[in-house]
Amino acid sequence: MARPLRIEYPGAYYHVTSRGNEQKDIFKSRKDREKFLSYLESATERYGAVIHAFCLMSNHYHLLLETPAGNLSQIMRHINGAYTTYFNVKRKRAGHLFQGRYKAILVEADEYAAELSRYIHLNPVRAGIVTQPEEYRWSSHRSFIGHGAMPSWLKTDFILGYFGKRASEARKKYRTFVEGLIGKEYESPLGGTIGSSLLGSPGFIEEIRTTHLQEKEEDRNVPALRQLAVRPSPEEIIAAVKAVMGHNEKQARQASIYLCHKYSGVRLRELAKMFEVGETAICEASRRFSRKIDKDEELKDKVHKAKSALIK
């Protein structure tokens, strides 16, 4: 099995998730969830973790956390290790509780923190557990919108700062931001992750590659390293698509939007400007085209040829 790419440095932000072994529940009671939250608190006290958002589902959890000391591995050993010990002792069991290692995606906070927090807070809604995110008590959403007491270890000000300077205004706008996607089909912000390890703009990806990964360039056992170098520009994608699609301009435009959205790493607002549509239209067009190629083998083959010309 290919090893995941682990990148740690002071001030890094991560979307972290960990699932139960064999998809089994890791939280079976209120006490379980409260105990897990206590380990999040102790991670902030002992190891300097900064928890920006969280959601505890039945068989997995999501965290958006920051590591001022660059010690993600230490933090996660504490959280998952302590909770596994608690869970096993309580239920007189032994062995693994979590399915392999946790999954950590290094993210460009300024670009994705708000979007990821929304994705995290909508988990219970997508799962059909509640109809409104504030109805679910085991996430940080209630703290973001000012409902109930906020844990002292949870930091909401960084994300809320994008929505206004006054706390009341920011909370209101954040709530509208989250609820705006309820009942709608939308693409996960994690869909743009490169090599299962990095989520950010081309500039961010290049900075990480040159600053933190140079010494790993010869390690061919980490597929993510190969993928980091593969970031075709929108212009290159459009040219490759045109060479394959020929004079079918409508189909070429659809394929170009899809491939640019999926592989260029260019921000949505920049793609929207390039194709002269709204940001949400880029996501919707990409999603529609993905469904279209699933049903059309000839079209799928053309898209594959265009992709192959760009990504070796």
Protein backbone atom coordinates (compact mmCIF):
# COMPACT_ATOMS: atom_id res chain seq x y z
CA MET A 1 0.00 0.00 0.00
CA ALA A 2 1.32 3.44 -0.93
CA ARG A 3 2.35 5.53 2.02
CA PRO A 4 0.49 8.79 2.64
CA LEU A 5 2.37 12.04 2.33
CA ARG A 6 2.84 13.63 5.76
CA ILE A 7 3.77 17.32 5.79
CA GLU A 8 4.27 19.04 9.14
CA TYR A 9 5.44 22.56 9.87
CA PRO A 10 4.58 25.31 12.38
CA GLY A 11 1.33 27.08 11.60
CA ALA A 12 -0.07 24.40 9.28
CA TYR A 13 -3.82 23.82 8.96
CA TYR A 14 -5.34 20.39 8.36
CA HIS A 15 -8.65 18.77 7.67
CA VAL A 16 -8.41 15.55 9.68
CA THR A 17 -10.76 12.60 9.65
CA SER A 18 -10.56 9.14 11.16
CA ARG A 19 -13.00 6.26 10.71
CA GLY A 20 -13.88 3.23 12.78
CA ASN A 21 -12.27 -0.05 11.86
CA GLU A 22 -14.50 -1.96 9.42
CA GLN A 23 -16.76 1.12 9.39
CA LYS A 24 -17.93 0.28 12.91
CA ASP A 25 -19.13 2.93 15.36
CA ILE A 26 -16.50 4.68 17.43
CA PHE A 27 -19.06 6.65 19.44
CA LYS A 28 -21.81 4.61 21.09
CA SER A 29 -22.97 6.93 23.85
CA ARG A 30 -23.06 10.50 25.04
CA LYS A 31 -20.24 9.65 27.46
CA ASP A 32 -18.08 8.49 24.53
CA ARG A 33 -18.50 11.77 22.72
CA GLU A 34 -17.87 13.81 25.84
CA LYS A 35 -14.70 11.83 26.52
CA PHE A 36 -13.45 12.39 22.96
CA LEU A 37 -14.06 16.13 23.31
CA SER A 38 -12.05 16.06 26.53
CA TYR A 39 -9.11 14.68 24.54
CA LEU A 40 -9.46 17.52 22.05
CA GLU A 41 -9.24 19.89 25.00
CA SER A 42 -6.16 18.18 26.42
CA ALA A 43 -4.54 18.26 22.96
CA THR A 44 -4.84 22.05 23.00
CA GLU A 45 -3.42 22.23 26.52
CA ARG A 46 -0.54 19.77 26.20
CA TYR A 47 0.47 20.07 22.57
CA GLY A 48 -0.75 23.50 21.51
CA ALA A 49 -3.33 22.26 19.00
CA VAL A 50 -5.84 24.85 17.82
CA ILE A 51 -9.25 23.35 17.04
CA HIS A 52 -11.20 25.52 14.58
CA ALA A 53 -14.12 23.18 13.82
CA PHE A 54 -15.25 19.64 14.59
CA CYS A 55 -18.04 17.15 14.04
CA LEU A 56 -18.43 13.76 15.69
CA MET A 57 -20.50 11.31 13.68
CA SER A 58 -21.19 7.72 14.76
CA ASN A 59 -18.35 5.95 12.95
CA HIS A 60 -16.01 8.83 12.14
CA TYR A 61 -15.09 12.38 13.03
CA HIS A 62 -13.91 15.55 11.27
CA LEU A 63 -11.54 18.18 12.60
CA LEU A 64 -10.20 21.42 11.19
CA LEU A 65 -7.11 22.07 13.26
CA GLU A 66 -3.99 24.20 13.30
CA THR A 67 -0.57 23.18 14.58
CA PRO A 68 1.42 26.23 15.77
CA ALA A 69 4.24 23.89 16.83
CA GLY A 70 4.20 21.78 13.66
CA ASN A 71 3.42 18.60 15.63
CA LEU A 72 0.39 17.02 13.95
CA SER A 73 1.60 13.44 14.53
CA GLN A 74 2.06 14.06 18.24
CA ILE A 75 -1.39 15.64 18.51
CA MET A 76 -3.11 12.80 16.67
CA ARG A 77 -1.30 10.09 18.63
CA HIS A 78 -2.67 11.69 21.76
CA ILE A 79 -6.26 12.08 20.51
CA ASN A 80 -6.69 8.71 18.82
CA GLY A 81 -4.47 6.81 21.23
CA ALA A 82 -6.10 8.10 24.40
CA TYR A 83 -9.58 7.60 23.03
CA THR A 84 -8.81 4.04 21.85
CA THR A 85 -7.53 3.17 25.34
CA TYR A 86 -10.66 4.63 26.93
CA PHE A 87 -12.98 2.83 24.48
CA ASN A 88 -11.25 -0.55 24.87
CA VAL A 89 -11.08 -0.43 28.66
CA LYS A 90 -14.73 0.61 28.95
CA ARG A 91 -15.90 -2.24 26.74
CA LYS A 92 -13.32 -4.84 27.79
CA ARG A 93 -12.02 -5.21 24.26
CA ALA A 94 -8.59 -5.12 22.60
CA GLY A 95 -7.23 -4.21 19.21
CA HIS A 96 -7.64 -1.37 16.75
CA LEU A 97 -10.55 1.01 17.04
CA PHE A 98 -9.71 3.18 14.02
CA GLN A 99 -9.30 2.08 10.43
CA GLY A 100 -5.59 2.54 9.80
CA ARG A 101 -4.04 5.94 10.32
CA TYR A 102 -6.02 9.13 10.38
CA LYS A 103 -6.33 11.03 7.10
CA ALA A 104 -4.88 14.53 7.21
CA ILE A 105 -5.11 16.99 4.33
CA LEU A 106 -2.90 20.06 4.53
CA VAL A 107 -5.04 23.04 3.52
CA GLU A 108 -4.53 26.64 2.52
CA ALA A 109 -6.50 28.21 5.35
CA ASP A 110 -7.31 31.59 3.81
CA GLU A 111 -8.79 29.91 0.75
CA TYR A 112 -10.56 26.90 2.27
CA ALA A 113 -11.13 27.26 6.03
CA ALA A 114 -14.64 28.69 5.79
CA GLU A 115 -15.68 26.24 3.06
CA LEU A 116 -14.32 23.27 5.01
CA SER A 117 -16.04 24.36 8.21
CA ARG A 118 -19.34 24.46 6.30
CA TYR A 119 -18.66 21.00 4.87
CA ILE A 120 -17.90 19.71 8.37
CA HIS A 121 -20.98 21.27 9.94
CA LEU A 122 -23.31 19.96 7.24
CA ASN A 123 -22.26 16.34 7.79
CA PRO A 124 -25.24 15.48 10.05
CA VAL A 125 -27.62 17.10 7.55
CA ARG A 126 -26.20 15.16 4.60
CA ALA A 127 -26.49 11.97 6.66
CA GLY A 128 -30.18 12.68 7.32
CA ILE A 129 -29.71 12.80 11.10
CA VAL A 130 -31.07 16.37 11.40
CA THR A 131 -32.63 18.89 9.05
CA GLN A 132 -30.72 21.90 10.39
CA PRO A 133 -27.05 21.82 11.51
CA GLU A 134 -27.78 23.58 14.81
CA GLU A 135 -29.97 20.64 15.84
CA TYR A 136 -26.88 18.44 16.09
CA ARG A 137 -25.10 18.97 19.40
CA TRP A 138 -21.89 17.07 18.56
CA SER A 139 -20.40 19.61 16.20
CA SER A 140 -19.01 23.11 16.59
CA HIS A 141 -21.76 24.73 14.51
CA ARG A 142 -23.84 25.80 17.52
CA SER A 143 -20.82 27.65 18.88
CA PHE A 144 -20.32 29.42 15.55
CA ILE A 145 -23.85 30.82 15.54
CA GLY A 146 -23.95 31.68 19.24
CA HIS A 147 -26.22 28.89 20.50
CA GLY A 148 -25.27 27.65 23.95
CA ALA A 149 -21.94 27.73 25.74
CA MET A 150 -18.79 27.50 23.65
CA PRO A 151 -15.93 25.25 24.79
CA SER A 152 -12.99 27.33 25.93
CA TRP A 153 -10.65 25.32 23.69
CA LEU A 154 -12.63 25.91 20.47
CA LYS A 155 -11.48 28.87 18.37
CA THR A 156 -14.19 30.31 16.11
CA ASP A 157 -12.81 33.81 15.62
CA PHE A 158 -10.48 32.92 12.74
CA ILE A 159 -13.26 31.65 10.48
CA LEU A 160 -15.92 34.08 11.70
CA GLY A 161 -13.48 36.88 10.92
CA TYR A 162 -14.19 36.31 7.23
CA PHE A 163 -17.84 37.19 7.80
CA GLY A 164 -17.60 40.47 9.68
CA LYS A 165 -15.83 42.43 12.40
CA ARG A 166 -18.75 42.43 14.81
CA ALA A 167 -19.40 39.03 16.39
CA SER A 168 -23.19 39.21 16.03
CA GLU A 169 -22.97 40.17 12.37
CA ALA A 170 -20.38 37.47 11.63
CA ARG A 171 -22.46 34.75 13.30
CA LYS A 172 -25.54 35.73 11.35
CA LYS A 173 -23.71 35.77 8.03
CA TYR A 174 -21.99 32.48 8.80
CA ARG A 175 -25.33 30.84 9.54
CA THR A 176 -26.68 32.07 6.21
CA PHE A 177 -23.52 30.82 4.51
CA VAL A 178 -23.97 27.31 5.90
CA GLU A 179 -27.73 27.07 5.46
CA GLY A 180 -27.44 28.25 1.86
CA LEU A 181 -26.43 24.74 0.83
CA ILE A 182 -29.07 22.79 2.72
CA GLY A 183 -31.18 20.78 0.31
CA LYS A 184 -28.84 21.46 -2.59
CA GLU A 185 -26.44 19.15 -4.36
CA TYR A 186 -22.93 20.49 -4.03
CA GLU A 187 -19.40 19.31 -4.51
CA SER A 188 -17.18 18.69 -1.53
CA PRO A 189 -14.35 21.24 -1.22
CA LEU A 190 -12.09 18.22 -0.70
CA GLY A 191 -12.62 17.28 -4.34
CA GLY A 192 -9.70 19.52 -5.29
CA THR A 193 -7.22 17.70 -3.05
CA ILE A 194 -3.94 16.80 -4.75
CA GLY A 195 -2.37 13.45 -4.02
CA SER A 196 -4.81 12.91 -1.12
CA SER A 197 -2.61 15.30 0.86
CA LEU A 198 -2.82 18.95 -0.24
CA LEU A 199 -5.66 21.39 -0.83
CA GLY A 200 -4.87 24.89 -2.03
CA SER A 201 -4.08 27.24 -4.86
CA PRO A 202 -1.26 26.52 -7.34
CA GLY A 203 0.90 29.05 -5.50
CA PHE A 204 0.31 27.31 -2.17
CA ILE A 205 1.04 23.89 -3.67
CA GLU A 206 4.27 25.14 -5.21
CA GLU A 207 5.36 26.78 -1.96
CA ILE A 208 4.80 23.54 -0.04
CA ARG A 209 6.59 21.51 -2.71
CA THR A 210 9.68 23.71 -2.81
CA THR A 211 9.84 24.51 0.90
CA HIS A 212 8.90 21.22 2.54
CA LEU A 213 9.22 18.45 -0.03
CA GLN A 214 12.50 18.94 -1.87
CA GLU A 215 14.25 16.29 0.18
CA LYS A 216 11.53 13.77 -0.74
CA GLU A 217 11.59 14.24 -4.50
CA GLU A 218 13.44 10.97 -5.10
CA ASP A 219 10.98 8.94 -3.03
CA ARG A 220 8.85 7.25 -5.68
CA ASN A 221 6.80 5.32 -3.13
CA VAL A 222 4.71 8.41 -2.38
CA PRO A 223 2.35 8.96 -5.34
CA ALA A 224 1.38 12.40 -4.07
CA LEU A 225 4.85 13.71 -4.93
CA ARG A 226 4.38 12.78 -8.55
CA GLN A 227 0.98 14.43 -8.64
CA LEU A 228 2.26 17.69 -7.18
CA ALA A 229 4.22 18.39 -10.33
CA VAL A 230 1.17 17.79 -12.51
CA ARG A 231 -0.70 21.08 -12.53
CA PRO A 232 -1.60 21.95 -16.12
CA SER A 233 -2.72 25.53 -16.69
CA PRO A 234 -6.25 26.26 -17.93
CA GLU A 235 -4.76 27.37 -21.26
CA GLU A 236 -2.98 24.04 -21.66
CA ILE A 237 -6.16 22.16 -20.77
CA ILE A 238 -8.27 24.12 -23.25
CA ALA A 239 -5.73 23.52 -26.02
CA ALA A 240 -5.58 19.77 -25.28
CA VAL A 241 -9.37 19.52 -25.27
CA LYS A 242 -9.67 21.42 -28.54
CA ALA A 243 -7.19 19.04 -30.18
CA VAL A 244 -9.38 16.10 -29.20
CA MET A 245 -12.89 17.56 -29.55
CA GLY A 246 -12.32 19.28 -32.87
CA HIS A 247 -15.10 21.64 -33.97
CA ASN A 248 -17.64 20.64 -31.32
CA GLU A 249 -17.31 23.90 -29.41
CA LYS A 250 -20.09 23.21 -26.91
CA GLN A 251 -18.64 19.86 -25.91
CA ALA A 252 -15.12 21.31 -25.83
CA ARG A 253 -16.25 24.08 -23.47
CA GLN A 254 -17.93 21.58 -21.15
CA ALA A 255 -14.87 19.33 -21.12
CA SER A 256 -12.56 22.29 -20.54
CA ILE A 257 -14.55 23.49 -17.53
CA TYR A 258 -14.60 19.97 -16.12
CA LEU A 259 -10.86 19.35 -16.53
CA CYS A 260 -9.87 22.85 -15.38
CA HIS A 261 -12.00 22.45 -12.26
CA LYS A 262 -10.60 19.00 -11.55
CA TYR A 263 -6.92 19.37 -12.42
CA SER A 264 -5.73 22.96 -12.80
CA GLY A 265 -5.88 23.92 -9.13
CA VAL A 266 -6.97 27.41 -10.19
CA ARG A 267 -9.40 29.09 -7.82
CA LEU A 268 -13.09 29.00 -8.63
CA ARG A 269 -13.33 32.76 -8.94
CA GLU A 270 -10.56 32.76 -11.53
CA LEU A 271 -12.15 29.94 -13.54
CA ALA A 272 -15.51 31.70 -13.34
CA LYS A 273 -13.96 34.84 -14.78
CA MET A 274 -12.19 32.89 -17.52
CA PHE A 275 -15.36 31.09 -18.65
CA GLU A 276 -17.58 34.12 -17.96
CA VAL A 277 -19.94 32.38 -15.54
CA GLY A 278 -20.61 32.41 -11.81
CA GLU A 279 -18.51 30.42 -9.33
CA THR A 280 -21.34 28.01 -8.55
CA ALA A 281 -21.89 27.48 -12.27
CA ILE A 282 -18.36 26.05 -12.56
CA CYS A 283 -19.13 23.41 -9.92
CA GLU A 284 -22.52 22.62 -11.39
CA ALA A 285 -21.17 22.33 -14.96
CA SER A 286 -18.33 20.10 -13.77
CA ARG A 287 -20.74 17.84 -11.92
CA ARG A 288 -23.15 17.58 -14.89
CA PHE A 289 -20.31 16.76 -17.28
CA SER A 290 -18.99 14.10 -14.91
CA ARG A 291 -22.38 12.39 -15.01
CA LYS A 292 -22.49 12.78 -18.77
CA ILE A 293 -19.17 11.03 -19.43
CA ASP A 294 -20.21 8.18 -17.14
CA LYS A 295 -22.99 7.42 -19.63
CA ASP A 296 -21.10 8.11 -22.87
CA GLU A 297 -18.13 5.85 -23.57
CA GLU A 298 -17.06 7.76 -26.69
CA LEU A 299 -17.03 11.04 -24.80
CA LYS A 300 -15.22 9.42 -21.88
CA ASP A 301 -12.53 8.22 -24.29
CA LYS A 302 -12.05 11.74 -25.68
CA VAL A 303 -11.74 13.21 -22.20
CA HIS A 304 -9.23 10.50 -21.29
CA LYS A 305 -7.13 11.35 -24.35
CA ALA A 306 -7.12 15.03 -23.45
CA LYS A 307 -6.21 14.23 -19.87
CA SER A 308 -3.43 11.85 -20.98
CA ALA A 309 -1.88 14.59 -23.10
CA LEU A 310 -1.64 16.77 -20.00
CA ILE A 311 -0.88 14.33 -17.20
CA LYS A 312 1.83 11.79 -17.90
